[in-house]
Amino acid sequence: MRGHPVDMPETTPPVPETASSFNPLECRDFIISLALALAVFLWLFSELPMPGVTWDEGAPNFPAAKNQAAWIRGLFTLDSPFSKETIDHYWYTRSDHPSPPRTVAAVSYLLFSPWVDEIVALRIPSAVKFAALLATIYLFLRLILPRAPALAGAWSLAFMPRVFGHAHVFSLDIPIMCWWFWAAASGFLVWHGKLRPFWFGLAYALAFATKLHAVFLPFPLLTWVLVMLGTFHWKESDSWRRALGAAGWAILLAPMLYIGLQPWLWHDTWNRVVERFFDYASKTPIPLYYLGTVYYQRTPWHYPLVMLLFTLPFFILVLGIVGLAKPLLWKWNREPLSAGSWWCGPGGAHLFLVLHFATPLAIILLPLAKAYDGCRLFLPCFPFAACLAGFGYHAAARPLEGKWKSWIIHALLFTALTVPPAVSYIQIRPYYLAYYNEIAGGVAGAWRWGMETTYWCDALTRDFLDTLNQIIPEGKTVKPASMSFEVVQYYIDRGWLRATISDPADYYLLQCRQGMFSRAEQFLYYRCRPLAMVEISGVPLIALYEVPK
């Protein structure tokens, strides 16, 4: 029998989770984020002199930043500081990447070089940005997760050795990683009404003026917005207004800041912009040694996935995988399905993170894509991997709640998160860019797998230069092999290396980047005993050989 309406049980249709379901940020959250940033910055600052000058630092980054610093210093004394001749003299480099990260380094050089070595002064902005990134990751996750998982997510990024290693050096890779996350996070907050659309436009414009990787950033963001519109917000005018407003500001500000922050583009603007983008699209392929094979053109599609598998510390990798699968674990975590959809989560955060994690990896999977230098070219995926590790931490902790005391659960999880990478750091410091995890078998295991040992000259440290000066007699010559000549010339110019560069030479200084080995370098590496070397677990990173007579 059909019941009377008054007798029917009341049911409330599920309501999509929105910004109202976010956690409020308290004063202690800001204190935690600042403490985290300060601790990581001081840790980084203490190690900034340790890695050798890297490939991109030797040229173009160090010379470009110092030239810009000279222009800034002479801004009120140069006869025509804004003339084409003056701008070309101080701002031209052969690099086709944007110059603002070098401008930031130039300011740091002017501020700090009187008190610290110029290498440290030029590297400080990377450390500052990385520390600030950890703070913002914590605050972002805190909107969605409890305090401990949010802290675990941010903390895990500092214990990804390949990422942490890049935070020591002056390159464009840490800045674009930071600005990708900041632009994406601002877009998320704009969508939920937490920020005005202008701030996304500004963040995206600064990302675009940092490195051209930012051209790919709108794709995961637009996909997420379309999913959110199609699922929950299609008829909400405020959602459309915020989305279109953010896009409008980005379209307006990106070209303005890209040109406005680069004085070299102020003259002959159109031709120079076109030239830069064409040059960027026609780069000379860089060989890659991967799984025992040298690749000169397209990288195997699985390269970024294998590199993640081999370079993320094991427990962080596990947490990240659990975080990826977290929507499937709702029953295990004693949680009801998210209102509206299992993948949505608070404000669509989980889908948002997955899309931004996957995009830098997917770029490498495109036809004709080329990857090299370890994880450097898909570095923007790692902050989102750290966020997913925070989700994984939350999923791992929930089933234990009520069975164990809370402090025991978090102490065990943080110990597993921190101690193994910390032990690895002690073993490989400061050669973080050569790290391989337990799955790969460490550096020695990765060597047996046929993985590239090193790539960026960071193993040519000051201590090893002193060793070279003791071995190489005065007046003898050296040939940098499988590495940058500019790095070695930088040391010679500073008086840190006594030898001079020549080809042929009396000695080979061989960086163990197997993808670039010539036949002569293969002979030295596999058949000859080095006079000195930097090594980890018996695997050489850089070695000095006397040229066979």
Protein backbone atom coordinates (compact mmCIF):
# COMPACT_ATOMS: atom_id res chain seq x y z
CA MET A 1 0.00 0.00 0.00
CA ARG A 2 1.28 3.44 -0.91
CA GLY A 3 1.90 5.44 2.26
CA HIS A 4 0.76 8.95 2.86
CA PRO A 5 3.48 11.56 2.25
CA VAL A 6 3.58 12.46 5.95
CA ASP A 7 4.46 8.87 6.77
CA MET A 8 7.38 8.63 4.35
CA PRO A 9 10.86 8.89 5.90
CA GLU A 10 12.62 12.13 5.13
CA THR A 11 15.66 11.79 2.91
CA THR A 12 18.17 14.46 2.06
CA PRO A 13 19.94 14.21 -1.27
CA PRO A 14 23.72 14.22 -1.04
CA VAL A 15 25.23 17.65 -1.29
CA PRO A 16 28.58 18.07 -2.96
CA GLU A 17 31.41 18.99 -0.66
CA THR A 18 32.52 22.57 -1.16
CA ALA A 19 34.81 25.08 0.44
CA SER A 20 32.56 25.11 3.50
CA SER A 21 33.84 21.61 4.34
CA PHE A 22 37.45 22.79 4.53
CA ASN A 23 39.25 22.89 7.84
CA PRO A 24 39.74 26.38 9.26
CA LEU A 25 43.38 27.45 9.48
CA GLU A 26 44.33 28.30 13.04
CA CYS A 27 47.19 30.38 14.39
CA ARG A 28 49.18 27.26 15.25
CA ASP A 29 48.95 26.09 11.64
CA PHE A 30 50.76 29.23 10.51
CA ILE A 31 53.30 28.76 13.28
CA ILE A 32 53.90 25.15 12.18
CA SER A 33 54.29 26.19 8.55
CA LEU A 34 56.77 28.95 9.43
CA ALA A 35 58.74 26.64 11.72
CA LEU A 36 58.87 23.99 8.98
CA ALA A 37 60.06 26.51 6.40
CA LEU A 38 62.71 27.96 8.72
CA ALA A 39 64.04 24.55 9.73
CA VAL A 40 64.36 23.37 6.13
CA PHE A 41 65.92 26.66 4.99
CA LEU A 42 68.57 26.52 7.73
CA TRP A 43 69.27 22.89 6.82
CA LEU A 44 69.67 23.83 3.17
CA PHE A 45 71.70 26.96 3.90
CA SER A 46 74.25 24.94 5.87
CA GLU A 47 74.80 22.75 2.79
CA LEU A 48 74.65 25.28 -0.06
CA PRO A 49 78.45 25.36 -0.55
CA MET A 50 78.74 21.57 -0.70
CA PRO A 51 77.52 20.45 -4.16
CA GLY A 52 79.80 21.28 -7.05
CA VAL A 53 78.80 24.00 -9.49
CA THR A 54 76.25 22.35 -11.74
CA TRP A 55 76.03 22.33 -15.52
CA ASP A 56 73.47 25.12 -15.85
CA GLU A 57 75.11 27.17 -13.12
CA GLY A 58 78.45 27.25 -14.94
CA ALA A 59 76.61 28.62 -17.99
CA PRO A 60 74.31 30.39 -18.38
CA ASN A 61 72.98 30.98 -14.86
CA PHE A 62 75.97 32.33 -12.91
CA PRO A 63 77.26 34.63 -15.70
CA ALA A 64 73.74 35.86 -16.54
CA ALA A 65 72.86 36.66 -12.92
CA LYS A 66 76.16 38.46 -12.35
CA ASN A 67 75.68 40.50 -15.55
CA GLN A 68 72.19 41.46 -14.45
CA ALA A 69 73.55 42.39 -11.03
CA ALA A 70 76.09 44.66 -12.72
CA TRP A 71 73.25 46.35 -14.69
CA ILE A 72 71.16 46.82 -11.53
CA ARG A 73 74.18 48.21 -9.67
CA GLY A 74 74.88 50.68 -12.49
CA LEU A 75 71.26 51.59 -13.15
CA PHE A 76 71.79 55.23 -12.11
CA THR A 77 75.35 55.58 -13.37
CA LEU A 78 75.26 54.05 -16.85
CA ASP A 79 74.90 56.59 -19.65
CA SER A 80 71.98 54.84 -21.37
CA PRO A 81 70.85 51.93 -19.16
CA PHE A 82 67.79 51.16 -21.29
CA SER A 83 69.33 51.48 -24.73
CA LYS A 84 69.41 48.42 -26.98
CA GLU A 85 73.21 48.23 -26.85
CA THR A 86 73.32 48.38 -23.03
CA ILE A 87 70.45 45.94 -22.58
CA ASP A 88 72.02 43.47 -25.03
CA HIS A 89 75.37 43.75 -23.25
CA TYR A 90 74.00 42.99 -19.79
CA TRP A 91 70.93 40.85 -20.51
CA TYR A 92 71.69 38.67 -23.53
CA THR A 93 72.36 34.98 -22.90
CA ARG A 94 72.28 32.01 -25.23
CA SER A 95 69.59 30.47 -23.01
CA ASP A 96 66.07 30.47 -24.44
CA HIS A 97 64.48 30.26 -20.99
CA PRO A 98 62.97 33.31 -19.27
CA SER A 99 65.34 35.43 -17.20
CA PRO A 100 63.35 36.37 -14.03
CA PRO A 101 64.81 33.51 -11.91
CA ARG A 102 68.26 34.85 -12.79
CA THR A 103 67.11 38.35 -11.87
CA VAL A 104 66.07 37.10 -8.43
CA ALA A 105 69.49 35.47 -8.09
CA ALA A 106 71.12 38.74 -9.19
CA VAL A 107 69.36 40.58 -6.36
CA SER A 108 70.45 37.87 -3.92
CA TYR A 109 74.01 38.21 -5.22
CA LEU A 110 73.94 41.96 -4.60
CA LEU A 111 72.52 41.54 -1.10
CA PHE A 112 74.56 38.63 0.22
CA SER A 113 77.82 38.28 -1.71
CA PRO A 114 79.64 40.70 0.63
CA TRP A 115 79.09 38.21 3.48
CA VAL A 116 79.00 34.77 1.85
CA ASP A 117 80.70 33.12 -1.12
CA GLU A 118 79.11 34.04 -4.44
CA ILE A 119 78.01 30.42 -5.01
CA VAL A 120 76.00 30.53 -1.79
CA ALA A 121 74.63 34.01 -2.56
CA LEU A 122 73.37 32.86 -5.96
CA ARG A 123 71.84 29.67 -4.53
CA ILE A 124 69.95 31.27 -1.64
CA PRO A 125 66.76 31.95 -3.69
CA SER A 126 66.38 28.23 -4.48
CA ALA A 127 66.56 27.38 -0.78
CA VAL A 128 64.09 30.14 0.12
CA LYS A 129 61.58 29.06 -2.53
CA PHE A 130 61.82 25.40 -1.54
CA ALA A 131 61.31 26.23 2.14
CA ALA A 132 58.32 28.44 1.28
CA LEU A 133 56.91 25.63 -0.86
CA LEU A 134 56.91 23.24 2.10
CA ALA A 135 55.05 25.81 4.19
CA THR A 136 52.39 26.31 1.52
CA ILE A 137 51.98 22.57 0.95
CA TYR A 138 51.30 22.15 4.65
CA LEU A 139 48.72 24.95 4.69
CA PHE A 140 47.06 23.63 1.52
CA LEU A 141 46.79 20.11 2.91
CA ARG A 142 45.63 21.43 6.26
CA LEU A 143 42.49 22.74 4.56
CA ILE A 144 41.65 19.16 3.64
CA LEU A 145 43.36 16.85 6.13
CA PRO A 146 44.07 16.70 9.86
CA ARG A 147 47.25 18.32 11.11
CA ALA A 148 49.53 15.24 11.22
CA PRO A 149 48.85 14.05 7.64
CA ALA A 150 49.24 17.61 6.36
CA LEU A 151 52.62 17.90 8.07
CA ALA A 152 53.63 14.44 6.81
CA GLY A 153 52.82 15.45 3.23
CA ALA A 154 54.91 18.62 3.38
CA TRP A 155 57.71 16.90 5.29
CA SER A 156 57.90 14.09 2.76
CA LEU A 157 58.95 16.52 0.01
CA ALA A 158 62.06 17.43 2.01
CA PHE A 159 62.92 13.72 2.16
CA MET A 160 62.78 13.13 -1.58
CA PRO A 161 66.55 13.22 -2.24
CA ARG A 162 66.39 14.11 -5.93
CA VAL A 163 64.12 17.08 -5.17
CA PHE A 164 66.11 18.09 -2.09
CA GLY A 165 69.31 17.98 -4.14
CA HIS A 166 67.90 20.44 -6.69
CA ALA A 167 66.96 22.82 -3.85
CA HIS A 168 70.71 23.29 -3.26
CA VAL A 169 71.53 24.68 -6.70
CA PHE A 170 70.68 27.72 -8.79
CA SER A 171 68.57 26.52 -11.69
CA LEU A 172 65.15 27.17 -13.17
CA ASP A 173 63.83 23.79 -12.04
CA ILE A 174 63.09 24.53 -8.39
CA PRO A 175 61.42 27.87 -9.31
CA ILE A 176 59.09 26.27 -11.88
CA MET A 177 58.29 23.43 -9.48
CA CYS A 178 57.30 26.00 -6.84
CA TRP A 179 55.39 28.29 -9.16
CA TRP A 180 53.52 25.38 -10.77
CA PHE A 181 52.25 24.38 -7.34
CA TRP A 182 51.50 27.94 -6.24
CA ALA A 183 49.62 28.74 -9.45
CA ALA A 184 47.66 25.48 -9.32
CA ALA A 185 46.83 25.90 -5.62
CA SER A 186 45.72 29.49 -6.19
CA GLY A 187 43.45 28.25 -8.98
CA PHE A 188 41.93 25.72 -6.57
CA LEU A 189 41.35 28.43 -3.97
CA VAL A 190 39.90 30.84 -6.53
CA TRP A 191 37.42 28.18 -7.62
CA HIS A 192 36.24 27.81 -4.02
CA GLY A 193 36.03 31.55 -3.44
CA LYS A 194 39.03 31.69 -1.10
CA LEU A 195 41.04 34.02 -3.37
CA ARG A 196 40.17 36.62 -5.99
CA PRO A 197 40.73 35.55 -9.62
CA PHE A 198 43.50 38.16 -9.98
CA TRP A 199 45.80 36.11 -7.74
CA PHE A 200 45.62 33.08 -10.00
CA GLY A 201 46.37 35.27 -13.01
CA LEU A 202 49.39 36.73 -11.25
CA ALA A 203 50.67 33.33 -10.05
CA TYR A 204 50.28 31.81 -13.51
CA ALA A 205 51.98 34.79 -15.16
CA LEU A 206 54.95 34.41 -12.80
CA ALA A 207 55.08 30.67 -13.53
CA PHE A 208 55.07 31.41 -17.26
CA ALA A 209 57.87 33.96 -16.75
CA THR A 210 59.88 31.33 -14.86
CA LYS A 211 60.10 28.46 -17.33
CA LEU A 212 58.11 27.44 -20.38
CA HIS A 213 56.94 24.24 -18.68
CA ALA A 214 54.09 26.48 -17.48
CA VAL A 215 52.38 26.25 -20.89
CA PHE A 216 51.19 22.79 -19.79
CA LEU A 217 49.81 23.94 -16.42
CA PRO A 218 46.35 25.01 -17.72
CA PHE A 219 45.57 21.52 -19.05
CA PRO A 220 45.12 19.70 -15.71
CA LEU A 221 43.52 22.78 -14.18
CA LEU A 222 41.04 23.20 -17.04
CA THR A 223 40.23 19.46 -16.97
CA TRP A 224 39.50 19.67 -13.25
CA VAL A 225 37.35 22.78 -13.63
CA LEU A 226 35.31 21.14 -16.41
CA VAL A 227 34.78 18.04 -14.28
CA MET A 228 33.69 20.15 -11.33
CA LEU A 229 31.35 22.21 -13.53
CA GLY A 230 29.88 19.17 -15.22
CA THR A 231 29.41 17.27 -11.98
CA PHE A 232 28.16 19.80 -9.47
CA HIS A 233 28.33 23.44 -10.53
CA TRP A 234 27.02 23.70 -14.08
CA LYS A 235 24.20 26.06 -13.14
CA GLU A 236 26.14 28.11 -10.60
CA SER A 237 26.92 31.51 -12.05
CA ASP A 238 29.49 32.26 -9.36
CA SER A 239 31.56 29.24 -10.39
CA TRP A 240 31.52 30.32 -14.03
CA ARG A 241 32.37 33.89 -13.08
CA ARG A 242 35.36 32.88 -10.97
CA ALA A 243 36.66 30.44 -13.58
CA LEU A 244 36.35 32.91 -16.44
CA GLY A 245 37.79 35.70 -14.33
CA ALA A 246 40.85 33.63 -13.44
CA ALA A 247 41.37 32.69 -17.09
CA GLY A 248 40.98 36.30 -18.16
CA TRP A 249 43.57 37.57 -15.68
CA ALA A 250 46.00 34.82 -16.72
CA ILE A 251 45.60 35.67 -20.42
CA LEU A 252 46.12 39.37 -19.66
CA LEU A 253 49.03 39.12 -17.21
CA ALA A 254 51.08 36.28 -18.71
CA PRO A 255 52.36 38.18 -21.80
CA MET A 256 52.65 41.42 -19.84
CA LEU A 257 54.91 39.95 -17.17
CA TYR A 258 56.76 37.68 -19.59
CA ILE A 259 57.91 40.69 -21.59
CA GLY A 260 57.89 43.25 -18.78
CA LEU A 261 60.25 41.27 -16.55
CA GLN A 262 62.77 40.57 -19.33
CA PRO A 263 64.55 43.71 -20.56
CA TRP A 264 66.15 41.81 -23.44
CA LEU A 265 62.65 41.52 -24.94
CA TRP A 266 61.99 45.25 -24.72
CA HIS A 267 63.80 45.83 -28.02
CA ASP A 268 62.76 44.13 -31.27
CA THR A 269 60.16 42.37 -29.12
CA TRP A 270 58.23 40.36 -31.70
CA ASN A 271 61.26 38.93 -33.48
CA ARG A 272 63.00 38.03 -30.23
CA VAL A 273 59.95 36.30 -28.75
CA VAL A 274 59.45 34.28 -31.95
CA GLU A 275 63.15 33.44 -32.09
CA ARG A 276 63.13 32.28 -28.47
CA PHE A 277 60.17 29.96 -28.90
CA PHE A 278 61.52 28.48 -32.14
CA ASP A 279 64.91 27.90 -30.53
CA TYR A 280 63.22 26.24 -27.58
CA ALA A 281 61.35 23.88 -29.91
CA SER A 282 64.49 22.90 -31.82
CA LYS A 283 66.87 21.86 -29.07
CA THR A 284 69.69 19.44 -29.85
CA PRO A 285 68.81 15.99 -28.42
CA ILE A 286 70.73 15.06 -25.28
CA PRO A 287 71.61 11.36 -24.96
CA LEU A 288 70.25 9.35 -22.06
CA TYR A 289 71.66 6.12 -20.59
CA TYR A 290 68.70 4.11 -19.34
CA LEU A 291 68.39 0.40 -18.55
CA GLY A 292 71.70 -0.32 -20.27
CA THR A 293 70.88 1.48 -23.53
CA VAL A 294 71.82 4.94 -24.80
CA TYR A 295 68.83 6.81 -26.26
CA TYR A 296 69.53 9.76 -28.54
CA GLN A 297 66.01 10.68 -29.60
CA ARG A 298 62.70 9.82 -28.00
CA THR A 299 62.81 8.57 -24.42
CA PRO A 300 61.04 5.25 -23.69
CA TRP A 301 57.53 5.96 -22.46
CA HIS A 302 58.12 4.26 -19.14
CA TYR A 303 61.17 6.35 -18.21
CA PRO A 304 59.43 8.76 -15.77
CA LEU A 305 57.53 5.91 -14.12
CA VAL A 306 60.67 3.86 -13.58
CA MET A 307 62.51 6.93 -12.28
CA LEU A 308 59.75 7.51 -9.74
CA LEU A 309 59.88 3.85 -8.75
CA PHE A 310 63.68 4.00 -8.35
CA THR A 311 64.15 7.43 -6.77
CA LEU A 312 61.33 7.95 -4.26
CA PRO A 313 62.17 6.58 -0.78
CA PHE A 314 60.27 3.35 -0.31
CA PHE A 315 57.85 4.38 2.45
CA ILE A 316 57.06 7.71 0.76
CA LEU A 317 56.42 5.78 -2.46
CA VAL A 318 54.03 3.45 -0.60
CA LEU A 319 52.20 6.37 0.99
CA GLY A 320 51.93 8.04 -2.40
CA ILE A 321 50.41 4.92 -3.96
CA VAL A 322 47.96 4.63 -1.06
CA GLY A 323 47.16 8.31 -1.52
CA LEU A 324 46.43 7.74 -5.21
CA ALA A 325 44.07 4.93 -4.28
CA LYS A 326 42.54 6.64 -1.25
CA PRO A 327 39.05 7.09 -2.77
CA LEU A 328 38.91 3.31 -3.17
CA LEU A 329 39.75 2.83 0.52
CA TRP A 330 36.71 4.61 1.93
CA LYS A 331 35.36 1.46 3.60
CA TRP A 332 38.77 0.50 5.04
CA ASN A 333 38.97 4.00 6.50
CA ARG A 334 35.47 3.71 7.96
CA GLU A 335 34.31 6.65 5.87
CA PRO A 336 31.10 7.02 3.85
CA LEU A 337 31.39 7.69 0.17
CA SER A 338 32.08 11.33 -0.60
CA ALA A 339 28.87 13.17 -1.25
CA GLY A 340 28.17 13.14 -4.95
CA SER A 341 31.15 11.08 -6.11
CA TRP A 342 33.80 8.76 -4.71
CA TRP A 343 36.69 10.60 -6.38
CA CYS A 344 35.72 14.10 -5.39
CA GLY A 345 36.84 14.43 -1.80
CA PRO A 346 36.77 17.80 -0.05
CA GLY A 347 36.24 20.35 -2.78
CA GLY A 348 37.50 17.99 -5.48
CA ALA A 349 41.00 18.09 -3.96
CA HIS A 350 41.95 14.49 -4.67
CA LEU A 351 41.18 14.66 -8.39
CA PHE A 352 42.91 18.06 -8.52
CA LEU A 353 46.11 16.60 -7.05
CA VAL A 354 46.06 13.48 -9.23
CA LEU A 355 45.72 15.52 -12.44
CA HIS A 356 48.60 17.83 -11.54
CA PHE A 357 50.76 14.91 -10.45
CA ALA A 358 50.12 13.06 -13.70
CA THR A 359 50.56 15.95 -16.15
CA PRO A 360 54.37 16.48 -15.89
CA LEU A 361 54.77 12.72 -16.28
CA ALA A 362 52.36 12.57 -19.21
CA ILE A 363 54.35 15.25 -21.05
CA ILE A 364 57.28 12.82 -21.24
CA LEU A 365 54.94 10.21 -22.72
CA LEU A 366 54.03 12.44 -25.68
CA PRO A 367 55.32 11.48 -29.15
CA LEU A 368 58.80 12.90 -29.80
CA ALA A 369 59.17 13.84 -26.10
CA LYS A 370 62.68 13.69 -24.71
CA ALA A 371 63.73 13.37 -21.08
CA TYR A 372 67.16 13.33 -19.48
CA ASP A 373 68.92 14.55 -16.33
CA GLY A 374 67.20 12.16 -13.96
CA CYS A 375 63.90 13.58 -12.70
CA ARG A 376 64.70 17.22 -13.50
CA LEU A 377 62.31 17.72 -16.40
CA PHE A 378 59.26 16.43 -14.53
CA LEU A 379 60.14 17.97 -11.16
CA PRO A 380 56.75 19.79 -10.90
CA CYS A 381 55.02 16.46 -10.21
CA PHE A 382 56.79 15.98 -6.88
CA PRO A 383 54.91 18.54 -4.72
CA PHE A 384 51.69 16.83 -5.76
CA ALA A 385 53.24 13.44 -5.02
CA ALA A 386 54.00 14.80 -1.54
CA CYS A 387 50.38 15.88 -1.16
CA LEU A 388 49.21 12.41 -2.18
CA ALA A 389 51.63 10.97 0.39
CA GLY A 390 49.78 13.10 2.95
CA PHE A 391 46.53 11.50 1.80
CA GLY A 392 48.21 8.09 2.07
CA TYR A 393 49.39 8.88 5.60
CA HIS A 394 45.80 9.76 6.53
CA ALA A 395 44.51 6.53 5.00
CA ALA A 396 47.14 4.50 6.87
CA ALA A 397 46.45 6.16 10.22
CA ARG A 398 42.64 5.98 10.22
CA PRO A 399 42.23 2.20 10.71
CA LEU A 400 44.55 2.35 13.74
CA GLU A 401 42.66 5.10 15.51
CA GLY A 402 40.93 3.80 18.61
CA LYS A 403 43.19 0.75 18.71
CA TRP A 404 46.43 2.52 19.63
CA LYS A 405 47.13 5.82 21.27
CA SER A 406 47.29 8.63 18.77
CA TRP A 407 50.85 9.67 19.61
CA ILE A 408 52.10 6.10 19.09
CA ILE A 409 50.48 5.91 15.64
CA HIS A 410 51.99 9.17 14.49
CA ALA A 411 55.37 8.49 16.07
CA LEU A 412 55.64 5.18 14.19
CA LEU A 413 54.49 6.65 10.89
CA PHE A 414 56.78 9.68 11.12
CA THR A 415 59.69 7.41 12.05
CA ALA A 416 59.06 5.27 8.97
CA LEU A 417 58.70 8.44 6.89
CA THR A 418 61.87 10.11 8.15
CA VAL A 419 64.51 7.64 9.32
CA PRO A 420 65.27 5.62 6.13
CA PRO A 421 65.68 8.74 3.95
CA ALA A 422 67.73 10.40 6.71
CA VAL A 423 70.09 7.42 6.75
CA SER A 424 70.39 7.66 2.98
CA TYR A 425 71.12 11.38 3.27
CA ILE A 426 73.98 10.67 5.64
CA GLN A 427 75.41 8.09 3.21
CA ILE A 428 75.21 10.16 0.01
CA ARG A 429 75.50 13.77 1.25
CA PRO A 430 75.96 16.06 -0.71
CA TYR A 431 75.47 13.93 -3.85
CA TYR A 432 71.68 13.86 -3.53
CA LEU A 433 71.15 13.91 -7.29
CA ALA A 434 72.76 10.46 -7.56
CA TYR A 435 70.26 8.85 -5.14
CA TYR A 436 68.51 5.58 -5.91
CA ASN A 437 66.18 3.86 -3.45
CA GLU A 438 65.94 0.38 -1.96
CA ILE A 439 63.94 -0.96 -4.92
CA ALA A 440 66.79 -0.07 -7.27
CA GLY A 441 69.31 -1.46 -4.77
CA GLY A 442 70.87 1.92 -4.04
CA VAL A 443 73.47 3.51 -6.29
CA ALA A 444 75.28 0.19 -6.78
CA GLY A 445 72.06 -1.62 -7.66
CA ALA A 446 71.05 1.11 -10.10
CA TRP A 447 74.47 0.80 -11.77
CA ARG A 448 73.79 -2.92 -12.30
CA TRP A 449 70.35 -2.07 -13.70
CA GLY A 450 72.07 0.13 -16.27
CA MET A 451 70.85 3.46 -14.90
CA GLU A 452 72.74 6.72 -15.37
CA THR A 453 74.92 7.41 -12.35
CA THR A 454 75.19 11.20 -12.43
CA TYR A 455 74.56 14.05 -14.84
CA TRP A 456 75.03 17.62 -13.59
CA CYS A 457 78.65 18.03 -12.38
CA ASP A 458 77.57 18.36 -8.72
CA ALA A 459 80.15 15.69 -7.76
CA LEU A 460 83.00 18.06 -8.70
CA THR A 461 83.20 19.52 -5.21
CA ARG A 462 85.76 21.87 -3.66
CA ASP A 463 87.32 18.96 -1.76
CA PHE A 464 87.83 17.02 -4.98
CA LEU A 465 89.32 20.10 -6.65
CA ASP A 466 91.91 20.20 -3.86
CA THR A 467 92.68 16.55 -4.58
CA LEU A 468 93.11 17.33 -8.29
CA ASN A 469 95.51 20.15 -7.49
CA GLN A 470 97.64 17.75 -5.47
CA ILE A 471 97.78 15.18 -8.29
CA ILE A 472 98.03 17.30 -11.46
CA PRO A 473 101.48 18.92 -11.80
CA GLU A 474 101.62 22.63 -12.53
CA GLY A 475 101.47 23.43 -16.23
CA LYS A 476 99.60 20.27 -17.16
CA THR A 477 96.29 20.27 -19.01
CA VAL A 478 92.95 18.58 -18.39
CA LYS A 479 90.01 17.71 -20.61
CA PRO A 480 86.52 17.74 -19.02
CA ALA A 481 84.77 14.66 -20.37
CA SER A 482 81.00 14.01 -20.43
CA MET A 483 80.55 17.28 -18.59
CA SER A 484 80.46 21.05 -19.03
CA PHE A 485 83.65 22.87 -19.96
CA GLU A 486 82.17 26.05 -18.42
CA VAL A 487 82.02 24.46 -14.96
CA VAL A 488 85.73 23.62 -15.04
CA GLN A 489 86.57 27.04 -16.49
CA TYR A 490 84.63 28.67 -13.65
CA TYR A 491 86.88 26.91 -11.12
CA ILE A 492 90.00 27.87 -13.08
CA ASP A 493 88.90 31.51 -13.21
CA ARG A 494 88.36 31.54 -9.44
CA GLY A 495 91.76 29.97 -8.84
CA TRP A 496 90.32 26.79 -7.36
CA LEU A 497 91.78 24.55 -10.09
CA ARG A 498 95.39 24.94 -11.20
CA ALA A 499 95.25 23.04 -14.50
CA THR A 500 94.15 24.50 -17.83
CA ILE A 501 91.61 23.06 -20.27
CA SER A 502 92.89 21.50 -23.47
CA ASP A 503 91.90 18.86 -26.03
CA PRO A 504 93.96 16.75 -26.35
CA ALA A 505 95.15 16.98 -22.75
CA ASP A 506 97.40 15.28 -20.22
CA TYR A 507 94.50 14.20 -18.01
CA TYR A 508 90.83 13.33 -18.46
CA LEU A 509 88.37 14.58 -15.83
CA LEU A 510 85.52 12.17 -16.47
CA GLN A 511 82.02 12.71 -15.15
CA CYS A 512 80.38 9.29 -15.05
CA ARG A 513 77.41 10.21 -17.22
CA GLN A 514 77.34 7.05 -19.30
CA GLY A 515 74.95 8.40 -21.94
CA MET A 516 77.59 10.88 -23.12
CA PHE A 517 80.60 8.57 -23.17
CA SER A 518 82.70 8.54 -26.31
CA ARG A 519 84.67 5.40 -27.12
CA ALA A 520 87.75 6.84 -25.43
CA GLU A 521 85.74 7.62 -22.31
CA GLN A 522 84.21 4.14 -22.25
CA PHE A 523 87.72 2.70 -22.40
CA LEU A 524 88.84 4.83 -19.47
CA TYR A 525 85.71 4.09 -17.43
CA TYR A 526 85.62 0.32 -17.92
CA ARG A 527 89.32 -0.55 -18.43
CA CYS A 528 91.51 1.96 -16.60
CA ARG A 529 92.19 2.69 -12.95
CA PRO A 530 91.48 6.30 -11.94
CA LEU A 531 94.07 8.37 -10.12
CA ALA A 532 91.30 9.77 -7.91
CA MET A 533 87.54 9.62 -7.81
CA VAL A 534 84.39 10.54 -5.96
CA GLU A 535 82.31 7.43 -5.39
CA ILE A 536 79.25 6.05 -3.59
CA SER A 537 79.20 2.35 -2.68
CA GLY A 538 82.09 1.74 -5.06
CA VAL A 539 80.34 3.42 -8.00
CA PRO A 540 82.34 6.40 -9.34
CA LEU A 541 80.60 9.74 -9.89
CA ILE A 542 83.61 11.63 -11.23
CA ALA A 543 87.16 10.41 -11.79
CA LEU A 544 90.56 11.64 -12.92
CA TYR A 545 92.55 9.57 -15.44
CA GLU A 546 95.96 10.07 -16.90
CA VAL A 547 95.85 9.87 -20.68
CA PRO A 548 97.34 6.52 -21.75
CA LYS A 549 100.71 6.91 -23.48
